[in-house]
Each structure stands twice: as structure tokens, then as C-alpha cells.
Amino acid sequence: MVSVKIECPCGQHYAFDVEPVNGRMAAAVACPVCGADGTEAANAIIGSKLPPPFTRPPARTEGAGLFPTAPPVKTVSGVEPQPPHQVRPQARILGLVDRDTAETEARAKISWGDSRDDVTKYLMLQGFSAPEAQALVADLFKERLAALRVKGMRKIVVGCLAMCAPIFAWGAMAHIGIISAKLLGASVLVALWGIWELLNGIIMLVAPKMESGDLAD
């Protein structure tokens, strides 16, 4: 089983355990809030966590080395060219992923609260130079900070509207001439939830680092 953690562009986090089929999701997955497709992001995360597939080495022929080389070729001047550099081992064998997948995984790590240093080290292990990793992490943290502030503003607006629920309910009941204690009580609960949303929104707007890791510059 592989644990997959995804952050939707709408700001919603969702996680699940999955048994990959051929290194990919067996079925499509979507955000539980906005319904956006998260299958490709899940496949990228699965690809970064699964071990590389076993490949059988080429058969060794009698009298030949495991990696036979072509006979030396002489140039017109009679000087043999230098042998080519050895082929770099496959990135999958070293547990590496491509740059786009590494960036996706780094963004997920930030959204789940990993520190700036941890994400920088992860990118450097994936082949990024130190300046590249630090610059990318700084951009990703700024992106996350902006997303949290937008989400905080949305919570503030929703909370303020919910806090007005008792006023709306009382006005509606006064208009029809019927006062319902149950309806009024339900509107009070909605208002209390609105206060909670308002406070969360203010925290996300003013101090987003309390919501997602170390976002301080």
C-alpha cells in the first residue's frame, strides 16, 4: 500500500492509501470538496515512492565481457579518440524522479507542514543544485502563503454571512408571523459555526504559518 497526500488547487487536503496497479492509480480520484481531478498528482506521488522495477541484465556471451565495447577507431591523424564517458545509471535505480514530479512532491510536502530545510534537502537529493532548491522552495512557500491568505479571506466572508443567520431567520419568521424555536435554535448553531470560521479565517490571514509549517521569511 502507498500513502498518498494531495493538496487540491482549491486548498483542500485529502489523503488515502492505495494499492497501485502498474505503478499508477487503479481508478480516478477527485477532490471531495470541488471535484477537481487529482489522478495525475496521485500518480506522480506514487511514482516517487515505488521502488524501480527489476530489470534483468543482458545475457553474457562466451568470451565477451558483460559490457563489450567496440574496437578502437583511429582517426586520419592516427590518434585514437578518447573512450566515451560511462552511461549514467538510470535515475530510477537511484530513487530519483523527474524535475516536474519533484516539484509536485515538494509542493505537497510544504502543504503538509514540512519545514523549509527538509523540502530543500529533498530537492537537492533529486538533483537540484543548492541555489535552485532554495529558490524553488522560496517560491513554493510564497505560493502557499498566498493560497492560505485567499482561503482565509473566503472563511472570513463565509463566517460573517453565517453569523447573520439568526437575524435572517428572525426576519423571515416575523414576516410570515410564525416563530419556530427549532428554526431559531438551528440559526444560532449556524452563527456559532460562523464565528469559528471567522476566527480561523483571521488566523490564516494574519498568521498563516500557524496553519502550514514554517512560512516565515
N, C-alpha and C. Protein backbone atom coordinates (compact mmCIF):
# COMPACT_ATOMS: atom_id res chain seq x y z
N MET A 1 0.84 -1.20 0.00
CA MET A 1 0.00 0.00 0.00
C MET A 1 0.88 1.25 0.00
N VAL A 2 0.43 2.29 -0.70
CA VAL A 2 1.15 3.56 -0.77
C VAL A 2 0.25 4.65 -0.20
N SER A 3 0.81 5.46 0.70
CA SER A 3 0.06 6.56 1.29
C SER A 3 0.20 7.79 0.37
N VAL A 4 -0.93 8.33 -0.06
CA VAL A 4 -0.94 9.48 -0.97
C VAL A 4 -1.59 10.67 -0.28
N LYS A 5 -0.89 11.80 -0.30
CA LYS A 5 -1.42 13.04 0.27
C LYS A 5 -1.44 14.09 -0.82
N ILE A 6 -2.61 14.68 -1.05
CA ILE A 6 -2.80 15.63 -2.15
C ILE A 6 -3.37 16.93 -1.61
N GLU A 7 -2.88 18.03 -2.17
CA GLU A 7 -3.49 19.33 -1.90
C GLU A 7 -4.14 19.80 -3.19
N CYS A 8 -5.45 19.99 -3.19
CA CYS A 8 -6.18 20.45 -4.35
C CYS A 8 -5.91 21.94 -4.57
N PRO A 9 -5.96 22.44 -5.81
CA PRO A 9 -5.81 23.88 -6.04
C PRO A 9 -6.82 24.72 -5.27
N CYS A 10 -7.94 24.13 -4.86
CA CYS A 10 -8.92 24.89 -4.07
C CYS A 10 -8.49 25.05 -2.62
N GLY A 11 -7.39 24.38 -2.22
CA GLY A 11 -6.89 24.49 -0.85
C GLY A 11 -7.24 23.31 0.03
N GLN A 12 -8.06 22.40 -0.46
CA GLN A 12 -8.48 21.24 0.33
C GLN A 12 -7.38 20.17 0.35
N HIS A 13 -7.11 19.61 1.52
CA HIS A 13 -6.18 18.49 1.66
C HIS A 13 -6.99 17.19 1.75
N TYR A 14 -6.52 16.16 1.09
CA TYR A 14 -7.10 14.84 1.28
C TYR A 14 -6.03 13.78 1.08
N ALA A 15 -6.18 12.69 1.82
CA ALA A 15 -5.17 11.65 1.81
C ALA A 15 -5.86 10.28 1.78
N PHE A 16 -5.15 9.29 1.26
CA PHE A 16 -5.69 7.94 1.20
C PHE A 16 -4.56 6.96 0.94
N ASP A 17 -4.81 5.69 1.25
CA ASP A 17 -3.88 4.60 0.96
C ASP A 17 -4.39 3.85 -0.26
N VAL A 18 -3.49 3.50 -1.16
CA VAL A 18 -3.91 2.85 -2.40
C VAL A 18 -2.93 1.75 -2.75
N GLU A 19 -3.42 0.71 -3.39
CA GLU A 19 -2.60 -0.37 -3.93
C GLU A 19 -2.41 -0.09 -5.43
N PRO A 20 -1.24 0.42 -5.85
CA PRO A 20 -1.07 0.81 -7.25
C PRO A 20 -1.18 -0.39 -8.20
N VAL A 21 -1.60 -0.10 -9.41
CA VAL A 21 -1.64 -1.10 -10.49
C VAL A 21 -0.69 -0.62 -11.58
N ASN A 22 0.38 -1.38 -11.79
CA ASN A 22 1.41 -0.99 -12.75
C ASN A 22 1.98 0.39 -12.44
N GLY A 23 2.13 0.66 -11.16
CA GLY A 23 2.74 1.93 -10.74
C GLY A 23 1.83 3.13 -10.86
N ARG A 24 0.52 2.93 -11.02
CA ARG A 24 -0.41 4.05 -11.18
C ARG A 24 -1.69 3.77 -10.41
N MET A 25 -2.55 4.78 -10.34
CA MET A 25 -3.85 4.62 -9.69
C MET A 25 -4.69 3.62 -10.48
N ALA A 26 -5.41 2.79 -9.75
CA ALA A 26 -6.30 1.84 -10.42
C ALA A 26 -7.57 2.51 -10.90
N ALA A 27 -7.91 3.64 -10.31
CA ALA A 27 -9.12 4.38 -10.70
C ALA A 27 -8.87 5.86 -10.48
N ALA A 28 -9.72 6.66 -11.08
CA ALA A 28 -9.59 8.11 -10.95
C ALA A 28 -9.92 8.54 -9.52
N VAL A 29 -9.32 9.67 -9.10
CA VAL A 29 -9.59 10.22 -7.77
C VAL A 29 -9.87 11.71 -7.95
N ALA A 30 -10.75 12.25 -7.12
CA ALA A 30 -11.14 13.66 -7.24
C ALA A 30 -11.21 14.29 -5.87
N CYS A 31 -11.09 15.62 -5.85
CA CYS A 31 -11.19 16.38 -4.61
C CYS A 31 -12.58 16.22 -4.01
N PRO A 32 -12.69 15.92 -2.73
CA PRO A 32 -14.01 15.72 -2.12
C PRO A 32 -14.81 17.01 -1.98
N VAL A 33 -14.16 18.17 -2.17
CA VAL A 33 -14.86 19.45 -2.00
C VAL A 33 -15.30 20.03 -3.33
N CYS A 34 -14.30 20.24 -4.26
CA CYS A 34 -14.63 20.89 -5.52
C CYS A 34 -14.75 19.90 -6.69
N GLY A 35 -14.33 18.66 -6.48
CA GLY A 35 -14.45 17.65 -7.53
C GLY A 35 -13.36 17.67 -8.57
N ALA A 36 -12.31 18.50 -8.37
CA ALA A 36 -11.21 18.57 -9.34
C ALA A 36 -10.47 17.23 -9.39
N ASP A 37 -10.06 16.83 -10.59
CA ASP A 37 -9.37 15.55 -10.77
C ASP A 37 -7.97 15.61 -10.15
N GLY A 38 -7.66 14.62 -9.32
CA GLY A 38 -6.35 14.55 -8.67
C GLY A 38 -5.58 13.32 -9.06
N THR A 39 -6.00 12.65 -10.16
CA THR A 39 -5.38 11.38 -10.54
C THR A 39 -3.92 11.56 -10.94
N GLU A 40 -3.62 12.59 -11.75
CA GLU A 40 -2.24 12.79 -12.20
C GLU A 40 -1.32 13.11 -11.03
N ALA A 41 -1.80 13.94 -10.11
CA ALA A 41 -0.99 14.26 -8.93
C ALA A 41 -0.75 13.00 -8.10
N ALA A 42 -1.76 12.16 -7.97
CA ALA A 42 -1.61 10.91 -7.22
C ALA A 42 -0.62 9.98 -7.91
N ASN A 43 -0.68 9.91 -9.26
CA ASN A 43 0.26 9.07 -10.00
C ASN A 43 1.70 9.55 -9.81
N ALA A 44 1.88 10.87 -9.79
CA ALA A 44 3.23 11.42 -9.60
C ALA A 44 3.78 11.05 -8.23
N ILE A 45 2.94 11.14 -7.20
CA ILE A 45 3.38 10.81 -5.85
C ILE A 45 3.67 9.31 -5.74
N ILE A 46 2.82 8.49 -6.36
CA ILE A 46 3.05 7.04 -6.34
C ILE A 46 4.37 6.71 -7.03
N GLY A 47 4.64 7.35 -8.18
CA GLY A 47 5.87 7.09 -8.92
C GLY A 47 7.12 7.44 -8.13
N SER A 48 7.00 8.49 -7.26
CA SER A 48 8.17 8.88 -6.47
C SER A 48 8.41 7.97 -5.28
N LYS A 49 7.42 7.17 -4.90
CA LYS A 49 7.55 6.33 -3.72
C LYS A 49 7.81 4.87 -4.03
N LEU A 50 7.41 4.41 -5.22
CA LEU A 50 7.58 2.99 -5.54
C LEU A 50 9.03 2.68 -5.89
N PRO A 51 9.53 1.51 -5.53
CA PRO A 51 10.89 1.11 -5.93
C PRO A 51 10.93 0.87 -7.44
N PRO A 52 12.10 1.02 -8.06
CA PRO A 52 12.19 0.81 -9.51
C PRO A 52 11.94 -0.65 -9.87
N PRO A 53 11.34 -0.89 -11.03
CA PRO A 53 11.11 -2.28 -11.46
C PRO A 53 12.41 -3.00 -11.72
N PHE A 54 12.43 -4.29 -11.44
CA PHE A 54 13.64 -5.10 -11.65
C PHE A 54 13.83 -5.35 -13.14
N THR A 55 15.02 -5.12 -13.60
CA THR A 55 15.35 -5.41 -15.00
C THR A 55 16.49 -6.41 -15.03
N ARG A 56 16.34 -7.44 -15.86
CA ARG A 56 17.35 -8.48 -15.96
C ARG A 56 18.53 -7.96 -16.78
N PRO A 57 19.75 -8.14 -16.29
CA PRO A 57 20.92 -7.67 -17.06
C PRO A 57 21.04 -8.45 -18.37
N PRO A 58 21.69 -7.87 -19.38
CA PRO A 58 21.84 -8.57 -20.67
C PRO A 58 22.66 -9.85 -20.51
N ALA A 59 22.30 -10.81 -21.33
CA ALA A 59 22.99 -12.10 -21.28
C ALA A 59 24.46 -11.92 -21.65
N ARG A 60 25.30 -12.64 -20.93
CA ARG A 60 26.74 -12.54 -21.16
C ARG A 60 27.16 -13.61 -22.15
N THR A 61 27.77 -13.19 -23.24
CA THR A 61 28.20 -14.15 -24.26
C THR A 61 29.59 -14.67 -23.93
N GLU A 62 29.85 -15.87 -24.39
CA GLU A 62 31.14 -16.51 -24.09
C GLU A 62 32.28 -15.74 -24.74
N GLY A 63 33.30 -15.50 -23.94
CA GLY A 63 34.48 -14.81 -24.44
C GLY A 63 34.33 -13.32 -24.50
N ALA A 64 33.20 -12.81 -24.05
CA ALA A 64 32.98 -11.37 -24.09
C ALA A 64 32.69 -10.87 -22.69
N GLY A 65 32.99 -9.63 -22.40
CA GLY A 65 32.71 -9.03 -21.11
C GLY A 65 31.23 -8.75 -20.96
N LEU A 66 30.87 -8.35 -19.78
CA LEU A 66 29.45 -8.05 -19.52
C LEU A 66 29.01 -6.85 -20.34
N PHE A 67 29.93 -5.90 -20.52
CA PHE A 67 29.60 -4.71 -21.31
C PHE A 67 30.66 -4.58 -22.42
N PRO A 68 30.50 -5.32 -23.51
CA PRO A 68 31.50 -5.29 -24.58
C PRO A 68 31.59 -3.91 -25.19
N THR A 69 32.76 -3.55 -25.61
CA THR A 69 32.97 -2.25 -26.23
C THR A 69 33.40 -2.45 -27.67
N ALA A 70 33.15 -1.44 -28.48
CA ALA A 70 33.52 -1.52 -29.88
C ALA A 70 35.03 -1.39 -30.00
N PRO A 71 35.62 -1.97 -31.05
CA PRO A 71 37.08 -1.85 -31.24
C PRO A 71 37.47 -0.40 -31.42
N PRO A 72 38.68 -0.02 -30.99
CA PRO A 72 39.09 1.37 -31.12
C PRO A 72 39.13 1.81 -32.57
N VAL A 73 38.77 3.04 -32.77
CA VAL A 73 38.75 3.61 -34.12
C VAL A 73 39.82 4.67 -34.19
N LYS A 74 40.66 4.57 -35.23
CA LYS A 74 41.73 5.54 -35.40
C LYS A 74 41.29 6.62 -36.39
N THR A 75 41.64 7.82 -36.08
CA THR A 75 41.33 8.93 -36.95
C THR A 75 42.37 9.01 -38.04
N VAL A 76 42.19 9.98 -38.92
CA VAL A 76 43.13 10.14 -40.03
C VAL A 76 44.53 10.43 -39.52
N SER A 77 44.59 11.17 -38.39
CA SER A 77 45.90 11.51 -37.84
C SER A 77 46.55 10.35 -37.12
N GLY A 78 45.81 9.25 -36.96
CA GLY A 78 46.37 8.09 -36.29
C GLY A 78 46.23 8.10 -34.79
N VAL A 79 45.52 9.12 -34.24
CA VAL A 79 45.34 9.22 -32.80
C VAL A 79 44.00 8.62 -32.43
N GLU A 80 44.01 7.70 -31.49
CA GLU A 80 42.76 7.07 -31.07
C GLU A 80 41.93 8.05 -30.26
N PRO A 81 40.63 8.15 -30.52
CA PRO A 81 39.79 9.05 -29.73
C PRO A 81 39.65 8.52 -28.31
N GLN A 82 39.38 9.45 -27.39
CA GLN A 82 39.19 9.08 -26.01
C GLN A 82 37.90 8.27 -25.86
N PRO A 83 37.88 7.27 -24.98
CA PRO A 83 36.64 6.48 -24.80
C PRO A 83 35.55 7.36 -24.23
N PRO A 84 34.31 7.11 -24.64
CA PRO A 84 33.20 7.93 -24.13
C PRO A 84 32.99 7.68 -22.64
N HIS A 85 32.38 8.67 -22.01
CA HIS A 85 32.06 8.53 -20.59
C HIS A 85 31.07 7.39 -20.40
N GLN A 86 31.16 6.74 -19.27
CA GLN A 86 30.22 5.67 -18.97
C GLN A 86 28.80 6.23 -18.85
N VAL A 87 27.85 5.44 -19.27
CA VAL A 87 26.46 5.87 -19.19
C VAL A 87 26.03 5.99 -17.74
N ARG A 88 25.38 7.07 -17.41
CA ARG A 88 24.93 7.29 -16.05
C ARG A 88 23.87 6.25 -15.68
N PRO A 89 23.92 5.66 -14.51
CA PRO A 89 22.88 4.70 -14.11
C PRO A 89 21.49 5.33 -14.19
N GLN A 90 20.51 4.52 -14.43
CA GLN A 90 19.16 5.02 -14.54
C GLN A 90 18.75 5.74 -13.26
N ALA A 91 18.06 6.86 -13.48
CA ALA A 91 17.66 7.67 -12.32
C ALA A 91 16.75 6.89 -11.39
N ARG A 92 15.94 6.02 -11.96
CA ARG A 92 15.00 5.26 -11.12
C ARG A 92 15.75 4.36 -10.14
N ILE A 93 16.91 3.82 -10.58
CA ILE A 93 17.68 2.95 -9.70
C ILE A 93 18.14 3.71 -8.47
N LEU A 94 18.43 5.00 -8.64
CA LEU A 94 18.88 5.82 -7.53
C LEU A 94 17.73 6.42 -6.74
N GLY A 95 16.51 6.10 -7.11
CA GLY A 95 15.36 6.64 -6.41
C GLY A 95 15.04 8.06 -6.79
N LEU A 96 15.49 8.51 -7.98
CA LEU A 96 15.24 9.87 -8.43
C LEU A 96 13.97 9.94 -9.25
N VAL A 97 13.42 11.15 -9.34
CA VAL A 97 12.25 11.40 -10.17
C VAL A 97 12.56 12.59 -11.06
N ASP A 98 11.72 12.83 -12.05
CA ASP A 98 11.96 13.98 -12.92
C ASP A 98 11.67 15.27 -12.16
N ARG A 99 12.08 16.38 -12.73
CA ARG A 99 12.00 17.67 -12.03
C ARG A 99 10.56 18.10 -11.75
N ASP A 100 9.67 17.82 -12.71
CA ASP A 100 8.27 18.19 -12.50
C ASP A 100 7.66 17.41 -11.34
N THR A 101 7.97 16.10 -11.28
CA THR A 101 7.45 15.28 -10.19
C THR A 101 8.05 15.72 -8.85
N ALA A 102 9.35 16.05 -8.86
CA ALA A 102 9.99 16.51 -7.63
C ALA A 102 9.36 17.81 -7.14
N GLU A 103 9.03 18.70 -8.08
CA GLU A 103 8.38 19.97 -7.69
C GLU A 103 6.99 19.71 -7.11
N THR A 104 6.25 18.77 -7.73
CA THR A 104 4.92 18.42 -7.21
C THR A 104 5.01 17.84 -5.81
N GLU A 105 6.00 16.96 -5.61
CA GLU A 105 6.17 16.35 -4.29
C GLU A 105 6.61 17.40 -3.27
N ALA A 106 7.47 18.34 -3.68
CA ALA A 106 7.90 19.41 -2.76
C ALA A 106 6.73 20.29 -2.37
N ARG A 107 5.86 20.59 -3.32
CA ARG A 107 4.67 21.40 -3.01
C ARG A 107 3.77 20.67 -2.01
N ALA A 108 3.62 19.35 -2.19
CA ALA A 108 2.80 18.57 -1.26
C ALA A 108 3.42 18.56 0.13
N LYS A 109 4.75 18.42 0.19
CA LYS A 109 5.43 18.41 1.50
C LYS A 109 5.20 19.74 2.23
N ILE A 110 5.25 20.85 1.50
CA ILE A 110 5.03 22.16 2.11
C ILE A 110 3.60 22.27 2.62
N SER A 111 2.64 21.82 1.82
CA SER A 111 1.24 21.92 2.23
C SER A 111 0.94 21.06 3.46
N TRP A 112 1.73 20.00 3.68
CA TRP A 112 1.51 19.13 4.83
C TRP A 112 2.39 19.51 6.02
N GLY A 113 3.10 20.65 5.90
CA GLY A 113 3.78 21.21 7.07
C GLY A 113 5.25 20.90 7.19
N ASP A 114 5.89 20.33 6.16
CA ASP A 114 7.33 20.09 6.24
C ASP A 114 8.09 21.42 6.29
N SER A 115 9.22 21.42 6.97
CA SER A 115 9.98 22.66 7.13
C SER A 115 10.70 23.02 5.83
N ARG A 116 11.16 24.27 5.77
CA ARG A 116 11.88 24.76 4.59
C ARG A 116 13.16 23.94 4.34
N ASP A 117 13.90 23.63 5.42
CA ASP A 117 15.14 22.87 5.27
C ASP A 117 14.88 21.46 4.75
N ASP A 118 13.83 20.81 5.26
CA ASP A 118 13.52 19.44 4.83
C ASP A 118 13.18 19.41 3.34
N VAL A 119 12.38 20.38 2.88
CA VAL A 119 12.00 20.39 1.47
C VAL A 119 13.21 20.71 0.59
N THR A 120 14.07 21.62 1.06
CA THR A 120 15.29 21.95 0.31
C THR A 120 16.18 20.71 0.17
N LYS A 121 16.37 19.97 1.26
CA LYS A 121 17.19 18.76 1.20
C LYS A 121 16.59 17.73 0.26
N TYR A 122 15.26 17.60 0.25
CA TYR A 122 14.61 16.65 -0.65
C TYR A 122 14.91 17.01 -2.11
N LEU A 123 14.79 18.30 -2.46
CA LEU A 123 15.05 18.71 -3.83
C LEU A 123 16.51 18.49 -4.22
N MET A 124 17.42 18.73 -3.28
CA MET A 124 18.84 18.50 -3.58
C MET A 124 19.12 17.02 -3.81
N LEU A 125 18.43 16.15 -3.09
CA LEU A 125 18.57 14.71 -3.32
C LEU A 125 18.04 14.31 -4.69
N GLN A 126 17.12 15.10 -5.23
CA GLN A 126 16.56 14.81 -6.54
C GLN A 126 17.35 15.46 -7.68
N GLY A 127 18.53 16.00 -7.37
CA GLY A 127 19.40 16.51 -8.42
C GLY A 127 19.41 18.01 -8.58
N PHE A 128 18.63 18.75 -7.77
CA PHE A 128 18.66 20.20 -7.84
C PHE A 128 19.94 20.72 -7.18
N SER A 129 20.50 21.77 -7.73
CA SER A 129 21.62 22.41 -7.04
C SER A 129 21.08 23.18 -5.83
N ALA A 130 21.97 23.53 -4.91
CA ALA A 130 21.54 24.23 -3.70
C ALA A 130 20.84 25.55 -4.03
N PRO A 131 21.39 26.40 -4.91
CA PRO A 131 20.67 27.65 -5.24
C PRO A 131 19.32 27.39 -5.89
N GLU A 132 19.24 26.38 -6.78
CA GLU A 132 17.96 26.06 -7.43
C GLU A 132 16.94 25.60 -6.40
N ALA A 133 17.36 24.72 -5.50
CA ALA A 133 16.43 24.20 -4.48
C ALA A 133 15.95 25.32 -3.56
N GLN A 134 16.85 26.18 -3.13
CA GLN A 134 16.46 27.27 -2.23
C GLN A 134 15.52 28.24 -2.92
N ALA A 135 15.79 28.57 -4.19
CA ALA A 135 14.92 29.49 -4.91
C ALA A 135 13.54 28.89 -5.13
N LEU A 136 13.50 27.59 -5.49
CA LEU A 136 12.20 26.94 -5.72
C LEU A 136 11.41 26.84 -4.42
N VAL A 137 12.07 26.49 -3.33
CA VAL A 137 11.38 26.39 -2.03
C VAL A 137 10.83 27.75 -1.62
N ALA A 138 11.59 28.82 -1.84
CA ALA A 138 11.10 30.16 -1.51
C ALA A 138 9.85 30.49 -2.31
N ASP A 139 9.86 30.16 -3.62
CA ASP A 139 8.69 30.42 -4.46
C ASP A 139 7.49 29.59 -4.01
N LEU A 140 7.72 28.32 -3.66
CA LEU A 140 6.62 27.45 -3.24
C LEU A 140 6.02 27.92 -1.92
N PHE A 141 6.87 28.39 -1.00
CA PHE A 141 6.34 28.89 0.27
C PHE A 141 5.54 30.18 0.06
N LYS A 142 6.00 31.03 -0.85
CA LYS A 142 5.23 32.24 -1.16
C LYS A 142 3.90 31.89 -1.80
N GLU A 143 3.92 30.89 -2.68
CA GLU A 143 2.69 30.42 -3.31
C GLU A 143 1.72 29.87 -2.27
N ARG A 144 2.25 29.09 -1.31
CA ARG A 144 1.41 28.53 -0.26
C ARG A 144 0.86 29.64 0.64
N LEU A 145 1.69 30.64 0.92
CA LEU A 145 1.27 31.76 1.76
C LEU A 145 0.11 32.51 1.10
N ALA A 146 0.23 32.76 -0.22
CA ALA A 146 -0.83 33.46 -0.93
C ALA A 146 -2.12 32.64 -0.94
N ALA A 147 -1.98 31.31 -1.13
CA ALA A 147 -3.17 30.44 -1.15
C ALA A 147 -3.86 30.44 0.22
N LEU A 148 -3.08 30.42 1.30
CA LEU A 148 -3.67 30.43 2.63
C LEU A 148 -4.40 31.74 2.91
N ARG A 149 -3.84 32.84 2.42
CA ARG A 149 -4.50 34.13 2.65
C ARG A 149 -5.81 34.22 1.88
N VAL A 150 -5.82 33.69 0.66
CA VAL A 150 -7.07 33.66 -0.11
C VAL A 150 -8.11 32.80 0.61
N LYS A 151 -7.66 31.65 1.10
CA LYS A 151 -8.57 30.76 1.83
C LYS A 151 -9.06 31.43 3.11
N GLY A 152 -8.17 32.20 3.77
CA GLY A 152 -8.57 32.92 4.98
C GLY A 152 -9.62 33.96 4.69
N MET A 153 -9.48 34.70 3.58
CA MET A 153 -10.48 35.70 3.21
C MET A 153 -11.83 35.04 2.93
N ARG A 154 -11.79 33.87 2.28
CA ARG A 154 -13.03 33.17 1.99
C ARG A 154 -13.73 32.73 3.27
N LYS A 155 -12.94 32.26 4.24
CA LYS A 155 -13.52 31.85 5.52
C LYS A 155 -14.12 33.04 6.27
N ILE A 156 -13.47 34.20 6.18
CA ILE A 156 -13.99 35.39 6.86
C ILE A 156 -15.35 35.79 6.27
N VAL A 157 -15.44 35.78 4.93
CA VAL A 157 -16.71 36.14 4.28
C VAL A 157 -17.80 35.16 4.64
N VAL A 158 -17.48 33.84 4.56
CA VAL A 158 -18.49 32.82 4.89
C VAL A 158 -18.89 32.93 6.36
N GLY A 159 -17.91 33.16 7.24
CA GLY A 159 -18.22 33.28 8.66
C GLY A 159 -19.12 34.45 8.97
N CYS A 160 -18.85 35.59 8.34
CA CYS A 160 -19.70 36.78 8.57
C CYS A 160 -21.13 36.53 8.11
N LEU A 161 -21.28 35.88 6.96
CA LEU A 161 -22.64 35.58 6.48
C LEU A 161 -23.35 34.61 7.42
N ALA A 162 -22.60 33.59 7.90
CA ALA A 162 -23.22 32.61 8.80
C ALA A 162 -23.62 33.25 10.12
N MET A 163 -22.85 34.22 10.58
CA MET A 163 -23.18 34.89 11.85
C MET A 163 -24.50 35.68 11.76
N CYS A 164 -24.88 36.02 10.54
CA CYS A 164 -26.14 36.76 10.35
C CYS A 164 -27.35 35.84 10.24
N ALA A 165 -27.13 34.52 10.36
CA ALA A 165 -28.23 33.57 10.19
C ALA A 165 -29.38 33.82 11.17
N PRO A 166 -29.15 34.08 12.48
CA PRO A 166 -30.27 34.34 13.37
C PRO A 166 -31.09 35.57 12.97
N ILE A 167 -30.40 36.59 12.45
CA ILE A 167 -31.13 37.80 12.02
C ILE A 167 -32.02 37.47 10.84
N PHE A 168 -31.47 36.74 9.87
CA PHE A 168 -32.26 36.36 8.70
C PHE A 168 -33.45 35.48 9.11
N ALA A 169 -33.18 34.51 10.00
CA ALA A 169 -34.25 33.61 10.44
C ALA A 169 -35.35 34.36 11.17
N TRP A 170 -34.96 35.27 12.06
CA TRP A 170 -35.96 36.04 12.81
C TRP A 170 -36.78 36.92 11.88
N GLY A 171 -36.12 37.54 10.90
CA GLY A 171 -36.85 38.38 9.96
C GLY A 171 -37.83 37.57 9.13
N ALA A 172 -37.41 36.37 8.70
CA ALA A 172 -38.31 35.53 7.90
C ALA A 172 -39.51 35.07 8.71
N MET A 173 -39.25 34.67 9.96
CA MET A 173 -40.36 34.21 10.81
C MET A 173 -41.29 35.36 11.15
N ALA A 174 -40.75 36.55 11.38
CA ALA A 174 -41.60 37.71 11.68
C ALA A 174 -42.45 38.08 10.48
N HIS A 175 -41.90 37.87 9.28
CA HIS A 175 -42.64 38.21 8.07
C HIS A 175 -43.85 37.30 7.87
N ILE A 176 -43.67 35.99 8.17
CA ILE A 176 -44.79 35.05 7.98
C ILE A 176 -45.65 34.94 9.24
N GLY A 177 -45.21 35.54 10.33
CA GLY A 177 -46.00 35.54 11.56
C GLY A 177 -45.93 34.27 12.37
N ILE A 178 -44.90 33.45 12.12
CA ILE A 178 -44.73 32.20 12.87
C ILE A 178 -43.32 32.16 13.46
N ILE A 179 -43.24 31.96 14.76
CA ILE A 179 -41.93 31.87 15.42
C ILE A 179 -41.66 30.41 15.76
N SER A 180 -40.58 29.89 15.21
CA SER A 180 -40.21 28.49 15.44
C SER A 180 -38.94 28.46 16.29
N ALA A 181 -39.06 27.84 17.47
CA ALA A 181 -37.90 27.75 18.36
C ALA A 181 -36.82 26.87 17.74
N LYS A 182 -37.23 25.80 17.06
CA LYS A 182 -36.26 24.90 16.44
C LYS A 182 -35.47 25.62 15.33
N LEU A 183 -36.18 26.35 14.49
CA LEU A 183 -35.52 27.06 13.41
C LEU A 183 -34.59 28.14 13.96
N LEU A 184 -35.05 28.82 15.02
CA LEU A 184 -34.21 29.85 15.62
C LEU A 184 -32.97 29.24 16.26
N GLY A 185 -33.14 28.08 16.92
CA GLY A 185 -32.00 27.40 17.53
C GLY A 185 -31.00 26.94 16.48
N ALA A 186 -31.53 26.43 15.35
CA ALA A 186 -30.63 25.99 14.27
C ALA A 186 -29.84 27.17 13.71
N SER A 187 -30.50 28.33 13.60
CA SER A 187 -29.79 29.51 13.09
C SER A 187 -28.70 29.97 14.06
N VAL A 188 -28.94 29.78 15.37
CA VAL A 188 -27.93 30.14 16.36
C VAL A 188 -26.71 29.22 16.20
N LEU A 189 -26.94 27.93 15.96
CA LEU A 189 -25.82 27.00 15.73
C LEU A 189 -25.03 27.39 14.49
N VAL A 190 -25.74 27.80 13.45
CA VAL A 190 -25.06 28.26 12.24
C VAL A 190 -24.21 29.49 12.54
N ALA A 191 -24.72 30.38 13.38
CA ALA A 191 -23.98 31.58 13.74
C ALA A 191 -22.71 31.23 14.54
N LEU A 192 -22.82 30.24 15.43
CA LEU A 192 -21.65 29.81 16.19
C LEU A 192 -20.58 29.22 15.27
N TRP A 193 -21.03 28.44 14.30
CA TRP A 193 -20.09 27.90 13.32
C TRP A 193 -19.44 29.04 12.52
N GLY A 194 -20.26 30.08 12.21
CA GLY A 194 -19.72 31.23 11.50
C GLY A 194 -18.64 31.95 12.29
N ILE A 195 -18.82 32.03 13.61
CA ILE A 195 -17.80 32.65 14.46
C ILE A 195 -16.50 31.85 14.37
N TRP A 196 -16.64 30.52 14.41
CA TRP A 196 -15.45 29.66 14.30
C TRP A 196 -14.74 29.86 12.95
N GLU A 197 -15.51 29.93 11.88
CA GLU A 197 -14.93 30.17 10.56
C GLU A 197 -14.26 31.53 10.50
N LEU A 198 -14.90 32.53 11.10
CA LEU A 198 -14.32 33.87 11.10
C LEU A 198 -12.98 33.90 11.81
N LEU A 199 -12.90 33.24 12.98
CA LEU A 199 -11.64 33.21 13.72
C LEU A 199 -10.55 32.47 12.94
N ASN A 200 -10.92 31.34 12.33
CA ASN A 200 -9.94 30.60 11.53
C ASN A 200 -9.46 31.44 10.35
N GLY A 201 -10.39 32.15 9.71
CA GLY A 201 -10.02 32.99 8.59
C GLY A 201 -9.07 34.10 9.00
N ILE A 202 -9.31 34.71 10.15
CA ILE A 202 -8.44 35.78 10.63
C ILE A 202 -7.04 35.22 10.92
N ILE A 203 -6.98 34.03 11.53
CA ILE A 203 -5.68 33.41 11.82
C ILE A 203 -4.93 33.12 10.53
N MET A 204 -5.61 32.56 9.52
CA MET A 204 -4.97 32.23 8.26
C MET A 204 -4.53 33.48 7.51
N LEU A 205 -5.25 34.59 7.70
CA LEU A 205 -4.90 35.82 7.01
C LEU A 205 -3.75 36.55 7.70
N VAL A 206 -3.75 36.54 9.03
CA VAL A 206 -2.75 37.30 9.77
C VAL A 206 -1.51 36.47 10.08
N ALA A 207 -1.71 35.19 10.46
CA ALA A 207 -0.58 34.34 10.85
C ALA A 207 -0.68 33.00 10.14
N PRO A 208 -0.48 32.97 8.79
CA PRO A 208 -0.62 31.69 8.06
C PRO A 208 0.37 30.63 8.46
N LYS A 209 1.52 31.01 9.06
CA LYS A 209 2.50 29.99 9.45
C LYS A 209 1.94 29.04 10.51
N MET A 210 0.89 29.48 11.24
CA MET A 210 0.27 28.60 12.22
C MET A 210 -0.52 27.50 11.56
N GLU A 211 -0.84 27.69 10.26
CA GLU A 211 -1.65 26.71 9.54
C GLU A 211 -0.83 25.73 8.73
N SER A 212 0.39 26.12 8.32
CA SER A 212 1.15 25.24 7.43
C SER A 212 2.63 25.44 7.58
N GLY A 213 3.23 24.80 8.52
CA GLY A 213 4.68 24.75 8.62
C GLY A 213 5.34 26.09 8.84
N ASP A 214 6.60 26.17 8.45
CA ASP A 214 7.41 27.36 8.65
C ASP A 214 7.32 28.24 7.42
N LEU A 215 6.42 29.22 7.42
CA LEU A 215 6.26 30.08 6.29
C LEU A 215 6.94 31.42 6.50
N ALA A 216 7.66 31.56 7.60
CA ALA A 216 8.33 32.84 7.84
C ALA A 216 9.49 33.01 6.88
N ASP A 217 9.74 34.28 6.44
CA ASP A 217 10.86 34.56 5.53
C ASP A 217 12.17 34.53 6.32
